[in-house]
């Protein structure tokens, strides 16, 4: 057991380019880290089991016994018994791990000590994690920086896809394993090469359709990048990446008009079961409070698993080695459909 020596995150530009191999591991992970708060067992275990079975991944089940008094104050049920927190965490993790092993999932429970965002990030890198799963907690008191939620603290420092399980997710749903659709919400104001490549591979693994969703927000429309129909959206996507997506899975573009968060959620509620991918966590933009961001609203309301790509996907350089021709199917075609306001 190791204690964190500092609270600072190294923000130096050390992010490596994303390779095709890494994209494959993101979509078909070999090692999945499940970060639990010990009270989310019923919410986090079903999707963890589903995703582990889909790719045959092993699970690392982790909890951080925090040395941060702000987190302890938020998780008051733990802080009241601080002297035995480590032992209690180990007992609960061991029980959760037994349940996972009982259904045939390889699982290793790990108790960490320190600052949650520091320890989770370090542990993920040290163990070569391909994906992180955690649950979304909504802290009603966000009037001070120290009251940031666990999700808000973790998302900016993780370099692999994070699957967030919201409180409204229907646990009897396919949870993404047998879903017919994978949705990628895109903004034409940013480079979406990595998210699009990840989304198409995730859809390929799930034998699902890829739906690229663009919301035309007239209130904030940039005349240089706005697109009002699928053809215009396709013309502004990275052409090589979009063609590749159509070879990996059936792909289509949908355009909706209105408030971005509301339209994304309405799209998901309209029979498009399956995971959705957000290109950004919406944290640290400096333009608005996270609670008012599109990402926050989708995470809080979605009934689907939400994948968030942030730190790694925003790297300026991307290394893409050519795929083997045999891995691509030339029988699939791109499709574009216009969908406005549903």
C-alpha atoms as a PDB file:
ATOM      1  CA  UNK A   1       0.000   0.000   0.000  1.00  0.00           C
ATOM      2  CA  UNK A   2       1.395   3.385  -0.974  1.00  0.00           C
ATOM      3  CA  UNK A   3       0.373   6.839   0.149  1.00  0.00           C
ATOM      4  CA  UNK A   4       0.119   9.761  -2.241  1.00  0.00           C
ATOM      5  CA  UNK A   5       2.852  12.300  -1.583  1.00  0.00           C
ATOM      6  CA  UNK A   6       1.263  15.222  -3.371  1.00  0.00           C
ATOM      7  CA  UNK A   7      -2.052  16.440  -4.676  1.00  0.00           C
ATOM      8  CA  UNK A   8      -0.780  17.933  -7.919  1.00  0.00           C
ATOM      9  CA  UNK A   9      -1.391  16.286 -11.286  1.00  0.00           C
ATOM     10  CA  UNK A  10       1.444  16.479 -13.775  1.00  0.00           C
ATOM     11  CA  UNK A  11      -0.090  18.437 -16.628  1.00  0.00           C
ATOM     12  CA  UNK A  12       3.026  18.526 -18.784  1.00  0.00           C
ATOM     13  CA  UNK A  13       2.440  17.637 -22.453  1.00  0.00           C
ATOM     14  CA  UNK A  14       3.551  14.007 -22.247  1.00  0.00           C
ATOM     15  CA  UNK A  15       0.540  12.457 -23.974  1.00  0.00           C
ATOM     16  CA  UNK A  16       1.622   9.966 -26.615  1.00  0.00           C
ATOM     17  CA  UNK A  17      -0.111   9.722 -30.004  1.00  0.00           C
ATOM     18  CA  UNK A  18      -2.982   7.260 -30.316  1.00  0.00           C
ATOM     19  CA  UNK A  19      -2.194   4.189 -32.404  1.00  0.00           C
ATOM     20  CA  UNK A  20      -4.510   1.758 -34.166  1.00  0.00           C
ATOM     21  CA  UNK A  21      -3.523  -0.915 -31.637  1.00  0.00           C
ATOM     22  CA  UNK A  22      -4.617   1.301 -28.767  1.00  0.00           C
ATOM     23  CA  UNK A  23      -7.890   2.096 -30.504  1.00  0.00           C
ATOM     24  CA  UNK A  24      -8.560  -1.623 -30.819  1.00  0.00           C
ATOM     25  CA  UNK A  25      -7.865  -2.114 -27.117  1.00  0.00           C
ATOM     26  CA  UNK A  26     -10.140   0.806 -26.267  1.00  0.00           C
ATOM     27  CA  UNK A  27     -12.976  -0.859 -28.162  1.00  0.00           C
ATOM     28  CA  UNK A  28     -12.126  -4.444 -27.125  1.00  0.00           C
ATOM     29  CA  UNK A  29     -10.331  -3.964 -23.791  1.00  0.00           C
ATOM     30  CA  UNK A  30      -8.178  -6.610 -22.178  1.00  0.00           C
ATOM     31  CA  UNK A  31      -8.054  -4.841 -18.803  1.00  0.00           C
ATOM     32  CA  UNK A  32     -10.906  -2.772 -17.397  1.00  0.00           C
ATOM     33  CA  UNK A  33     -10.587  -0.710 -14.239  1.00  0.00           C
ATOM     34  CA  UNK A  34     -13.802  -0.425 -12.220  1.00  0.00           C
ATOM     35  CA  UNK A  35     -13.604   2.437  -9.719  1.00  0.00           C
ATOM     36  CA  UNK A  36     -16.242   1.953  -7.039  1.00  0.00           C
ATOM     37  CA  UNK A  37     -17.344   4.190  -4.163  1.00  0.00           C
ATOM     38  CA  UNK A  38     -18.506   1.042  -2.301  1.00  0.00           C
ATOM     39  CA  UNK A  39     -22.163   2.121  -2.374  1.00  0.00           C
ATOM     40  CA  UNK A  40     -22.727   1.673  -6.123  1.00  0.00           C
ATOM     41  CA  UNK A  41     -22.507  -2.113  -6.268  1.00  0.00           C
ATOM     42  CA  UNK A  42     -25.929  -2.672  -7.838  1.00  0.00           C
ATOM     43  CA  UNK A  43     -25.314  -0.004 -10.489  1.00  0.00           C
ATOM     44  CA  UNK A  44     -21.734  -0.716 -11.479  1.00  0.00           C
ATOM     45  CA  UNK A  45     -21.454  -4.513 -11.455  1.00  0.00           C
ATOM     46  CA  UNK A  46     -23.987  -5.368 -14.234  1.00  0.00           C
ATOM     47  CA  UNK A  47     -22.367  -3.156 -16.917  1.00  0.00           C
ATOM     48  CA  UNK A  48     -18.908  -4.216 -15.725  1.00  0.00           C
ATOM     49  CA  UNK A  49     -19.864  -7.873 -16.198  1.00  0.00           C
ATOM     50  CA  UNK A  50     -21.389  -7.166 -19.603  1.00  0.00           C
ATOM     51  CA  UNK A  51     -18.372  -5.250 -20.900  1.00  0.00           C
ATOM     52  CA  UNK A  52     -15.891  -7.787 -19.523  1.00  0.00           C
ATOM     53  CA  UNK A  53     -17.738 -10.641 -21.208  1.00  0.00           C
ATOM     54  CA  UNK A  54     -17.925  -8.813 -24.508  1.00  0.00           C
ATOM     55  CA  UNK A  55     -14.155  -8.733 -24.971  1.00  0.00           C
ATOM     56  CA  UNK A  56     -13.016 -11.349 -22.456  1.00  0.00           C
ATOM     57  CA  UNK A  57     -11.412  -8.658 -20.280  1.00  0.00           C
ATOM     58  CA  UNK A  58     -10.143  -8.984 -16.742  1.00  0.00           C
ATOM     59  CA  UNK A  59     -11.406  -6.507 -14.169  1.00  0.00           C
ATOM     60  CA  UNK A  60      -9.459  -4.482 -11.649  1.00  0.00           C
ATOM     61  CA  UNK A  61     -11.931  -3.510  -8.931  1.00  0.00           C
ATOM     62  CA  UNK A  62     -10.544  -0.496  -7.080  1.00  0.00           C
ATOM     63  CA  UNK A  63     -11.541   1.862  -4.310  1.00  0.00           C
ATOM     64  CA  UNK A  64      -9.510   4.786  -2.992  1.00  0.00           C
ATOM     65  CA  UNK A  65      -9.480   5.318   0.755  1.00  0.00           C
ATOM     66  CA  UNK A  66      -9.143   9.038   0.458  1.00  0.00           C
ATOM     67  CA  UNK A  67      -6.786  11.204   2.466  1.00  0.00           C
ATOM     68  CA  UNK A  68      -8.650  14.248   1.132  1.00  0.00           C
ATOM     69  CA  UNK A  69     -10.902  15.591   3.899  1.00  0.00           C
ATOM     70  CA  UNK A  70     -13.236  17.185   1.327  1.00  0.00           C
ATOM     71  CA  UNK A  71     -14.028  13.777  -0.144  1.00  0.00           C
ATOM     72  CA  UNK A  72     -14.430  12.306   3.314  1.00  0.00           C
ATOM     73  CA  UNK A  73     -16.920  15.036   4.170  1.00  0.00           C
ATOM     74  CA  UNK A  74     -18.900  14.251   1.016  1.00  0.00           C
ATOM     75  CA  UNK A  75     -18.847  10.505   1.677  1.00  0.00           C
ATOM     76  CA  UNK A  76     -19.928  11.064   5.263  1.00  0.00           C
ATOM     77  CA  UNK A  77     -20.860   7.397   5.824  1.00  0.00           C
ATOM     78  CA  UNK A  78     -17.167   6.527   5.500  1.00  0.00           C
ATOM     79  CA  UNK A  79     -15.737   9.488   7.373  1.00  0.00           C
ATOM     80  CA  UNK A  80     -17.755   8.657  10.484  1.00  0.00           C
ATOM     81  CA  UNK A  81     -15.769   5.460  10.803  1.00  0.00           C
ATOM     82  CA  UNK A  82     -12.421   6.660   9.494  1.00  0.00           C
ATOM     83  CA  UNK A  83     -10.364   4.395  11.755  1.00  0.00           C
ATOM     84  CA  UNK A  84     -11.635   1.263  10.034  1.00  0.00           C
ATOM     85  CA  UNK A  85     -12.140   2.584   6.508  1.00  0.00           C
ATOM     86  CA  UNK A  86      -9.391   0.506   4.953  1.00  0.00           C
ATOM     87  CA  UNK A  87     -10.645  -2.748   6.491  1.00  0.00           C
ATOM     88  CA  UNK A  88     -14.235  -2.012   5.520  1.00  0.00           C
ATOM     89  CA  UNK A  89     -13.195  -1.202   1.960  1.00  0.00           C
ATOM     90  CA  UNK A  90     -11.252  -4.452   1.690  1.00  0.00           C
ATOM     91  CA  UNK A  91     -14.200  -6.463   3.010  1.00  0.00           C
ATOM     92  CA  UNK A  92     -16.665  -4.916   0.548  1.00  0.00           C
ATOM     93  CA  UNK A  93     -14.296  -5.210  -2.417  1.00  0.00           C
ATOM     94  CA  UNK A  94     -13.578  -8.866  -1.636  1.00  0.00           C
ATOM     95  CA  UNK A  95     -17.310  -9.573  -1.547  1.00  0.00           C
ATOM     96  CA  UNK A  96     -17.882  -7.775  -4.865  1.00  0.00           C
ATOM     97  CA  UNK A  97     -14.944  -9.645  -6.394  1.00  0.00           C
ATOM     98  CA  UNK A  98     -16.424 -12.988  -5.304  1.00  0.00           C
ATOM     99  CA  UNK A  99     -19.659 -12.119  -7.100  1.00  0.00           C
ATOM    100  CA  UNK A 100     -17.727 -11.333 -10.261  1.00  0.00           C
ATOM    101  CA  UNK A 101     -15.713 -14.541 -10.077  1.00  0.00           C
ATOM    102  CA  UNK A 102     -18.911 -16.496  -9.446  1.00  0.00           C
ATOM    103  CA  UNK A 103     -20.178 -15.466 -12.895  1.00  0.00           C
ATOM    104  CA  UNK A 104     -16.837 -16.260 -14.514  1.00  0.00           C
ATOM    105  CA  UNK A 105     -15.157 -12.858 -14.556  1.00  0.00           C
ATOM    106  CA  UNK A 106     -11.466 -12.644 -13.654  1.00  0.00           C
ATOM    107  CA  UNK A 107     -11.242  -9.933 -11.020  1.00  0.00           C
ATOM    108  CA  UNK A 108      -8.592  -8.434  -8.754  1.00  0.00           C
ATOM    109  CA  UNK A 109      -9.760  -6.195  -5.876  1.00  0.00           C
ATOM    110  CA  UNK A 110      -7.394  -3.346  -4.968  1.00  0.00           C
ATOM    111  CA  UNK A 111      -7.605  -0.798  -2.152  1.00  0.00           C
ATOM    112  CA  UNK A 112      -5.648   2.401  -2.794  1.00  0.00           C
ATOM    113  CA  UNK A 113      -4.736   5.200  -0.398  1.00  0.00           C
ATOM    114  CA  UNK A 114      -4.413   8.862  -1.283  1.00  0.00           C
ATOM    115  CA  UNK A 115      -6.044  11.516  -3.417  1.00  0.00           C
ATOM    116  CA  UNK A 116      -8.612   9.755  -5.667  1.00  0.00           C
ATOM    117  CA  UNK A 117      -7.770  11.443  -8.971  1.00  0.00           C
ATOM    118  CA  UNK A 118      -4.037  10.998  -8.380  1.00  0.00           C
ATOM    119  CA  UNK A 119      -4.224   7.357  -7.352  1.00  0.00           C
ATOM    120  CA  UNK A 120      -6.716   6.252  -9.998  1.00  0.00           C
ATOM    121  CA  UNK A 121      -4.681   7.910 -12.764  1.00  0.00           C
ATOM    122  CA  UNK A 122      -1.386   6.418 -11.555  1.00  0.00           C
ATOM    123  CA  UNK A 123      -2.881   2.975 -11.061  1.00  0.00           C
ATOM    124  CA  UNK A 124      -4.495   2.976 -14.521  1.00  0.00           C
ATOM    125  CA  UNK A 125      -1.173   3.816 -16.174  1.00  0.00           C
ATOM    126  CA  UNK A 126       0.827   1.350 -14.093  1.00  0.00           C
ATOM    127  CA  UNK A 127      -1.496  -1.560 -14.872  1.00  0.00           C
ATOM    128  CA  UNK A 128      -2.032  -0.765 -18.547  1.00  0.00           C
ATOM    129  CA  UNK A 129      -5.765  -0.215 -18.225  1.00  0.00           C
ATOM    130  CA  UNK A 130      -7.734   0.047 -21.500  1.00  0.00           C
ATOM    131  CA  UNK A 131     -10.989   1.403 -20.071  1.00  0.00           C
ATOM    132  CA  UNK A 132     -12.344   2.868 -16.832  1.00  0.00           C
ATOM    133  CA  UNK A 133     -15.892   2.322 -15.558  1.00  0.00           C
ATOM    134  CA  UNK A 134     -17.386   4.469 -12.804  1.00  0.00           C
ATOM    135  CA  UNK A 135     -20.778   5.689 -11.670  1.00  0.00           C
ATOM    136  CA  UNK A 136     -22.067   9.236 -11.894  1.00  0.00           C
ATOM    137  CA  UNK A 137     -22.725  10.979  -8.587  1.00  0.00           C
ATOM    138  CA  UNK A 138     -24.584  14.260  -8.448  1.00  0.00           C
ATOM    139  CA  UNK A 139     -23.441  16.399  -5.536  1.00  0.00           C
ATOM    140  CA  UNK A 140     -26.211  18.945  -4.920  1.00  0.00           C
ATOM    141  CA  UNK A 141     -23.792  21.348  -3.232  1.00  0.00           C
ATOM    142  CA  UNK A 142     -21.370  22.550  -5.899  1.00  0.00           C
ATOM    143  CA  UNK A 143     -20.939  26.080  -4.586  1.00  0.00           C
ATOM    144  CA  UNK A 144     -17.246  25.612  -3.828  1.00  0.00           C
ATOM    145  CA  UNK A 145     -14.391  23.969  -5.783  1.00  0.00           C
ATOM    146  CA  UNK A 146     -13.730  21.422  -3.036  1.00  0.00           C
ATOM    147  CA  UNK A 147     -17.239  20.032  -3.508  1.00  0.00           C
ATOM    148  CA  UNK A 148     -16.443  18.646  -6.940  1.00  0.00           C
ATOM    149  CA  UNK A 149     -17.867  15.200  -7.571  1.00  0.00           C
ATOM    150  CA  UNK A 150     -15.697  12.109  -8.018  1.00  0.00           C
ATOM    151  CA  UNK A 151     -16.496  12.030 -11.739  1.00  0.00           C
ATOM    152  CA  UNK A 152     -15.529  15.686 -12.127  1.00  0.00           C
ATOM    153  CA  UNK A 153     -12.179  15.041 -10.499  1.00  0.00           C
ATOM    154  CA  UNK A 154     -11.374  11.877 -12.437  1.00  0.00           C
ATOM    155  CA  UNK A 155     -12.377  12.670 -16.026  1.00  0.00           C
ATOM    156  CA  UNK A 156      -9.733  15.336 -16.767  1.00  0.00           C
ATOM    157  CA  UNK A 157      -6.797  13.097 -15.792  1.00  0.00           C
ATOM    158  CA  UNK A 158      -7.661   9.781 -17.448  1.00  0.00           C
ATOM    159  CA  UNK A 159      -6.128   8.998 -20.844  1.00  0.00           C
ATOM    160  CA  UNK A 160      -8.341   6.031 -21.794  1.00  0.00           C
ATOM    161  CA  UNK A 161     -12.095   5.999 -22.472  1.00  0.00           C
ATOM    162  CA  UNK A 162     -14.236   6.368 -19.373  1.00  0.00           C
ATOM    163  CA  UNK A 163     -17.625   4.646 -19.306  1.00  0.00           C
ATOM    164  CA  UNK A 164     -19.915   6.543 -16.942  1.00  0.00           C
ATOM    165  CA  UNK A 165     -22.964   4.748 -15.552  1.00  0.00           C
ATOM    166  CA  UNK A 166     -25.662   7.249 -14.652  1.00  0.00           C
ATOM    167  CA  UNK A 167     -28.244   6.936 -11.904  1.00  0.00           C
ATOM    168  CA  UNK A 168     -31.057   6.752 -14.484  1.00  0.00           C
ATOM    169  CA  UNK A 169     -29.628   3.900 -16.497  1.00  0.00           C
ATOM    170  CA  UNK A 170     -31.963   0.957 -16.931  1.00  0.00           C
ATOM    171  CA  UNK A 171     -29.993  -2.006 -15.638  1.00  0.00           C
ATOM    172  CA  UNK A 172     -32.278  -4.417 -17.494  1.00  0.00           C
ATOM    173  CA  UNK A 173     -31.223  -2.859 -20.811  1.00  0.00           C
ATOM    174  CA  UNK A 174     -28.501  -4.398 -23.016  1.00  0.00           C
ATOM    175  CA  UNK A 175     -25.918  -2.054 -21.454  1.00  0.00           C
ATOM    176  CA  UNK A 176     -24.146  -1.783 -24.770  1.00  0.00           C
ATOM    177  CA  UNK A 177     -23.256  -5.442 -25.324  1.00  0.00           C
ATOM    178  CA  UNK A 178     -26.129  -6.337 -27.655  1.00  0.00           C
ATOM    179  CA  UNK A 179     -27.117  -2.796 -28.523  1.00  0.00           C
ATOM    180  CA  UNK A 180     -28.092  -2.112 -32.101  1.00  0.00           C
ATOM    181  CA  UNK A 181     -26.564   1.345 -32.146  1.00  0.00           C
ATOM    182  CA  UNK A 182     -23.497   3.255 -31.022  1.00  0.00           C
ATOM    183  CA  UNK A 183     -23.974   7.027 -31.085  1.00  0.00           C
ATOM    184  CA  UNK A 184     -21.147   9.539 -31.449  1.00  0.00           C
ATOM    185  CA  UNK A 185     -22.085  13.147 -30.653  1.00  0.00           C
ATOM    186  CA  UNK A 186     -19.784  15.414 -32.658  1.00  0.00           C
ATOM    187  CA  UNK A 187     -18.992  19.093 -32.822  1.00  0.00           C
ATOM    188  CA  UNK A 188     -17.638  20.363 -36.117  1.00  0.00           C
ATOM    189  CA  UNK A 189     -15.587  22.950 -34.226  1.00  0.00           C
ATOM    190  CA  UNK A 190     -13.115  20.305 -33.025  1.00  0.00           C
ATOM    191  CA  UNK A 191     -11.031  17.494 -34.486  1.00  0.00           C
ATOM    192  CA  UNK A 192     -13.076  14.294 -34.176  1.00  0.00           C
ATOM    193  CA  UNK A 193     -10.670  11.851 -35.847  1.00  0.00           C
ATOM    194  CA  UNK A 194      -9.892   9.844 -32.711  1.00  0.00           C
ATOM    195  CA  UNK A 195     -13.496   9.762 -31.397  1.00  0.00           C
ATOM    196  CA  UNK A 196     -14.791   8.689 -34.817  1.00  0.00           C
ATOM    197  CA  UNK A 197     -12.202   5.929 -35.127  1.00  0.00           C
ATOM    198  CA  UNK A 198     -12.978   4.727 -31.603  1.00  0.00           C
ATOM    199  CA  UNK A 199     -16.738   4.859 -32.190  1.00  0.00           C
ATOM    200  CA  UNK A 200     -16.551   2.854 -35.412  1.00  0.00           C
ATOM    201  CA  UNK A 201     -14.444   0.161 -33.772  1.00  0.00           C
ATOM    202  CA  UNK A 202     -16.744   0.027 -30.752  1.00  0.00           C
ATOM    203  CA  UNK A 203     -19.710  -0.435 -33.101  1.00  0.00           C
ATOM    204  CA  UNK A 204     -17.815  -3.115 -35.018  1.00  0.00           C
ATOM    205  CA  UNK A 205     -17.115  -5.055 -31.813  1.00  0.00           C
ATOM    206  CA  UNK A 206     -20.775  -4.825 -30.771  1.00  0.00           C
ATOM    207  CA  UNK A 207     -22.035  -5.692 -34.298  1.00  0.00           C
ATOM    208  CA  UNK A 208     -23.961  -2.445 -34.126  1.00  0.00           C
ATOM    209  CA  UNK A 209     -24.719   0.532 -36.342  1.00  0.00           C
ATOM    210  CA  UNK A 210     -22.810   3.763 -35.898  1.00  0.00           C
ATOM    211  CA  UNK A 211     -24.859   6.947 -35.739  1.00  0.00           C
ATOM    212  CA  UNK A 212     -22.917  10.195 -35.907  1.00  0.00           C
ATOM    213  CA  UNK A 213     -25.116  12.833 -34.307  1.00  0.00           C
ATOM    214  CA  UNK A 214     -24.666  16.542 -35.004  1.00  0.00           C
ATOM    215  CA  UNK A 215     -26.801  19.137 -33.234  1.00  0.00           C
ATOM    216  CA  UNK A 216     -27.437  22.388 -35.039  1.00  0.00           C
ATOM    217  CA  UNK A 217     -27.666  24.946 -32.248  1.00  0.00           C
ATOM    218  CA  UNK A 218     -28.840  28.172 -33.879  1.00  0.00           C
ATOM    219  CA  UNK A 219     -28.062  30.148 -30.728  1.00  0.00           C
ATOM    220  CA  UNK A 220     -24.355  29.374 -30.998  1.00  0.00           C
ATOM    221  CA  UNK A 221     -23.966  28.458 -34.638  1.00  0.00           C
ATOM    222  CA  UNK A 222     -20.628  29.327 -36.210  1.00  0.00           C
ATOM    223  CA  UNK A 223     -21.284  30.312 -39.824  1.00  0.00           C
ATOM    224  CA  UNK A 224     -17.920  28.851 -40.836  1.00  0.00           C
ATOM    225  CA  UNK A 225     -18.626  25.385 -39.478  1.00  0.00           C
ATOM    226  CA  UNK A 226     -22.410  25.031 -39.250  1.00  0.00           C
ATOM    227  CA  UNK A 227     -23.996  22.184 -41.208  1.00  0.00           C
ATOM    228  CA  UNK A 228     -27.734  21.773 -41.551  1.00  0.00           C
ATOM    229  CA  UNK A 229     -27.901  18.358 -43.226  1.00  0.00           C
ATOM    230  CA  UNK A 230     -25.985  15.057 -43.257  1.00  0.00           C
ATOM    231  CA  UNK A 231     -24.219  15.773 -46.546  1.00  0.00           C
ATOM    232  CA  UNK A 232     -22.786  19.023 -45.182  1.00  0.00           C
ATOM    233  CA  UNK A 233     -21.745  17.290 -41.967  1.00  0.00           C
ATOM    234  CA  UNK A 234     -20.028  14.505 -43.928  1.00  0.00           C
ATOM    235  CA  UNK A 235     -18.101  17.075 -45.963  1.00  0.00           C
ATOM    236  CA  UNK A 236     -16.640  18.527 -42.749  1.00  0.00           C
ATOM    237  CA  UNK A 237     -15.677  15.225 -41.163  1.00  0.00           C
ATOM    238  CA  UNK A 238     -12.142  13.878 -41.747  1.00  0.00           C
ATOM    239  CA  UNK A 239     -12.760  12.184 -45.097  1.00  0.00           C
ATOM    240  CA  UNK A 240     -10.392   9.234 -44.659  1.00  0.00           C
ATOM    241  CA  UNK A 241     -11.696   8.518 -41.162  1.00  0.00           C
ATOM    242  CA  UNK A 242     -15.322   8.708 -42.287  1.00  0.00           C
ATOM    243  CA  UNK A 243     -14.670   6.322 -45.179  1.00  0.00           C
ATOM    244  CA  UNK A 244     -12.929   3.936 -42.807  1.00  0.00           C
ATOM    245  CA  UNK A 245     -15.905   4.028 -40.445  1.00  0.00           C
ATOM    246  CA  UNK A 246     -18.181   2.863 -43.243  1.00  0.00           C
ATOM    247  CA  UNK A 247     -15.929  -0.124 -43.880  1.00  0.00           C
ATOM    248  CA  UNK A 248     -15.907  -1.178 -40.243  1.00  0.00           C
ATOM    249  CA  UNK A 249     -19.643  -0.893 -39.567  1.00  0.00           C
ATOM    250  CA  UNK A 250     -22.901   0.454 -41.056  1.00  0.00           C
ATOM    251  CA  UNK A 251     -22.605   4.217 -40.485  1.00  0.00           C
ATOM    252  CA  UNK A 252     -24.969   7.104 -40.898  1.00  0.00           C
ATOM    253  CA  UNK A 253     -25.205  10.786 -39.980  1.00  0.00           C
ATOM    254  CA  UNK A 254     -28.148  12.370 -38.258  1.00  0.00           C
ATOM    255  CA  UNK A 255     -28.759  16.085 -37.766  1.00  0.00           C
ATOM    256  CA  UNK A 256     -31.059  17.572 -35.168  1.00  0.00           C
ATOM    257  CA  UNK A 257     -31.858  21.164 -34.304  1.00  0.00           C
ATOM    258  CA  UNK A 258     -32.236  22.675 -30.856  1.00  0.00           C
ATOM    259  CA  UNK A 259     -30.575  22.605 -27.461  1.00  0.00           C
ATOM    260  CA  UNK A 260     -27.618  20.168 -27.735  1.00  0.00           C
ATOM    261  CA  UNK A 261     -28.174  18.318 -24.449  1.00  0.00           C
ATOM    262  CA  UNK A 262     -31.923  18.022 -24.947  1.00  0.00           C
ATOM    263  CA  UNK A 263     -31.540  16.814 -28.517  1.00  0.00           C
ATOM    264  CA  UNK A 264     -28.879  14.249 -27.609  1.00  0.00           C
ATOM    265  CA  UNK A 265     -31.117  12.827 -24.879  1.00  0.00           C
ATOM    266  CA  UNK A 266     -34.163  12.856 -27.155  1.00  0.00           C
ATOM    267  CA  UNK A 267     -32.158  10.945 -29.766  1.00  0.00           C
ATOM    268  CA  UNK A 268     -31.287   8.297 -27.161  1.00  0.00           C
ATOM    269  CA  UNK A 269     -34.886   8.062 -25.957  1.00  0.00           C
ATOM    270  CA  UNK A 270     -36.147   7.591 -29.519  1.00  0.00           C
ATOM    271  CA  UNK A 271     -35.297   3.919 -29.812  1.00  0.00           C
ATOM    272  CA  UNK A 272     -31.521   4.375 -30.108  1.00  0.00           C
ATOM    273  CA  UNK A 273     -30.506   2.102 -27.265  1.00  0.00           C
ATOM    274  CA  UNK A 274     -26.804   1.599 -26.834  1.00  0.00           C
ATOM    275  CA  UNK A 275     -23.784   3.557 -25.671  1.00  0.00           C
ATOM    276  CA  UNK A 276     -23.160   7.165 -26.582  1.00  0.00           C
ATOM    277  CA  UNK A 277     -19.700   8.697 -26.965  1.00  0.00           C
ATOM    278  CA  UNK A 278     -18.934  12.283 -25.977  1.00  0.00           C
ATOM    279  CA  UNK A 279     -15.770  13.815 -27.414  1.00  0.00           C
ATOM    280  CA  UNK A 280     -15.159  15.889 -24.295  1.00  0.00           C
ATOM    281  CA  UNK A 281     -15.949  15.829 -20.599  1.00  0.00           C
ATOM    282  CA  UNK A 282     -16.887  19.510 -20.734  1.00  0.00           C
ATOM    283  CA  UNK A 283     -14.710  20.143 -17.682  1.00  0.00           C
ATOM    284  CA  UNK A 284     -12.210  22.968 -17.581  1.00  0.00           C
ATOM    285  CA  UNK A 285     -13.457  24.853 -20.625  1.00  0.00           C
ATOM    286  CA  UNK A 286     -13.405  28.088 -18.635  1.00  0.00           C
ATOM    287  CA  UNK A 287     -16.536  29.312 -20.427  1.00  0.00           C
ATOM    288  CA  UNK A 288     -19.169  27.944 -18.077  1.00  0.00           C
ATOM    289  CA  UNK A 289     -19.659  25.921 -14.930  1.00  0.00           C
ATOM    290  CA  UNK A 290     -19.477  22.178 -15.523  1.00  0.00           C
ATOM    291  CA  UNK A 291     -22.985  21.760 -14.146  1.00  0.00           C
ATOM    292  CA  UNK A 292     -24.240  23.870 -17.066  1.00  0.00           C
ATOM    293  CA  UNK A 293     -22.283  22.011 -19.744  1.00  0.00           C
ATOM    294  CA  UNK A 294     -23.767  19.668 -22.329  1.00  0.00           C
ATOM    295  CA  UNK A 295     -21.621  16.786 -21.066  1.00  0.00           C
ATOM    296  CA  UNK A 296     -22.840  17.148 -17.490  1.00  0.00           C
ATOM    297  CA  UNK A 297     -26.480  17.228 -18.518  1.00  0.00           C
ATOM    298  CA  UNK A 298     -26.095  14.127 -20.676  1.00  0.00           C
ATOM    299  CA  UNK A 299     -24.255  12.245 -17.916  1.00  0.00           C
ATOM    300  CA  UNK A 300     -26.914  13.190 -15.380  1.00  0.00           C
ATOM    301  CA  UNK A 301     -29.916  12.253 -17.532  1.00  0.00           C
ATOM    302  CA  UNK A 302     -28.809   9.462 -19.871  1.00  0.00           C
ATOM    303  CA  UNK A 303     -30.273   6.003 -19.505  1.00  0.00           C
ATOM    304  CA  UNK A 304     -27.462   4.634 -21.646  1.00  0.00           C
ATOM    305  CA  UNK A 305     -23.784   4.046 -20.839  1.00  0.00           C
ATOM    306  CA  UNK A 306     -21.881   7.219 -21.711  1.00  0.00           C
ATOM    307  CA  UNK A 307     -18.280   6.986 -22.938  1.00  0.00           C
ATOM    308  CA  UNK A 308     -16.227  10.126 -22.434  1.00  0.00           C
ATOM    309  CA  UNK A 309     -13.070  10.825 -24.413  1.00  0.00           C
ATOM    310  CA  UNK A 310     -11.014  13.701 -23.174  1.00  0.00           C
ATOM    311  CA  UNK A 311      -7.340  14.109 -22.421  1.00  0.00           C
ATOM    312  CA  UNK A 312      -5.890  11.480 -24.760  1.00  0.00           C
ATOM    313  CA  UNK A 313      -8.294  12.004 -27.664  1.00  0.00           C
ATOM    314  CA  UNK A 314      -7.528  15.722 -27.756  1.00  0.00           C
ATOM    315  CA  UNK A 315      -3.831  15.152 -28.451  1.00  0.00           C
ATOM    316  CA  UNK A 316      -2.668  17.163 -31.455  1.00  0.00           C
ATOM    317  CA  UNK A 317      -0.852  14.320 -33.194  1.00  0.00           C
ATOM    318  CA  UNK A 318      -2.374  10.982 -34.081  1.00  0.00           C
ATOM    319  CA  UNK A 319      -0.430   8.000 -35.388  1.00  0.00           C
ATOM    320  CA  UNK A 320      -2.578   5.795 -37.566  1.00  0.00           C
ATOM    321  CA  UNK A 321      -0.972   2.677 -39.064  1.00  0.00           C
ATOM    322  CA  UNK A 322      -2.848   1.157 -42.026  1.00  0.00           C
ATOM    323  CA  UNK A 323      -5.376  -1.536 -41.236  1.00  0.00           C
ATOM    324  CA  UNK A 324      -5.001  -4.961 -42.796  1.00  0.00           C
ATOM    325  CA  UNK A 325      -7.313  -5.209 -45.814  1.00  0.00           C
ATOM    326  CA  UNK A 326      -8.762  -8.485 -44.576  1.00  0.00           C
ATOM    327  CA  UNK A 327     -10.027  -6.774 -41.452  1.00  0.00           C
ATOM    328  CA  UNK A 328     -12.236  -4.449 -43.451  1.00  0.00           C
ATOM    329  CA  UNK A 329     -15.458  -5.308 -45.170  1.00  0.00           C
ATOM    330  CA  UNK A 330     -16.030  -3.608 -48.485  1.00  0.00           C
ATOM    331  CA  UNK A 331     -19.656  -4.682 -48.538  1.00  0.00           C
ATOM    332  CA  UNK A 332     -20.814  -2.011 -46.107  1.00  0.00           C
ATOM    333  CA  UNK A 333     -21.825   1.400 -47.298  1.00  0.00           C
ATOM    334  CA  UNK A 334     -22.174   4.777 -45.677  1.00  0.00           C
ATOM    335  CA  UNK A 335     -25.652   6.098 -45.267  1.00  0.00           C
ATOM    336  CA  UNK A 336     -26.844   9.585 -44.470  1.00  0.00           C
ATOM    337  CA  UNK A 337     -30.263  10.448 -43.145  1.00  0.00           C
ATOM    338  CA  UNK A 338     -31.718  13.820 -42.331  1.00  0.00           C
ATOM    339  CA  UNK A 339     -33.449  13.959 -38.979  1.00  0.00           C
ATOM    340  CA  UNK A 340     -34.559  17.360 -37.765  1.00  0.00           C
ATOM    341  CA  UNK A 341     -36.245  17.672 -34.363  1.00  0.00           C
ATOM    342  CA  UNK A 342     -36.807  13.943 -34.141  1.00  0.00           C
END
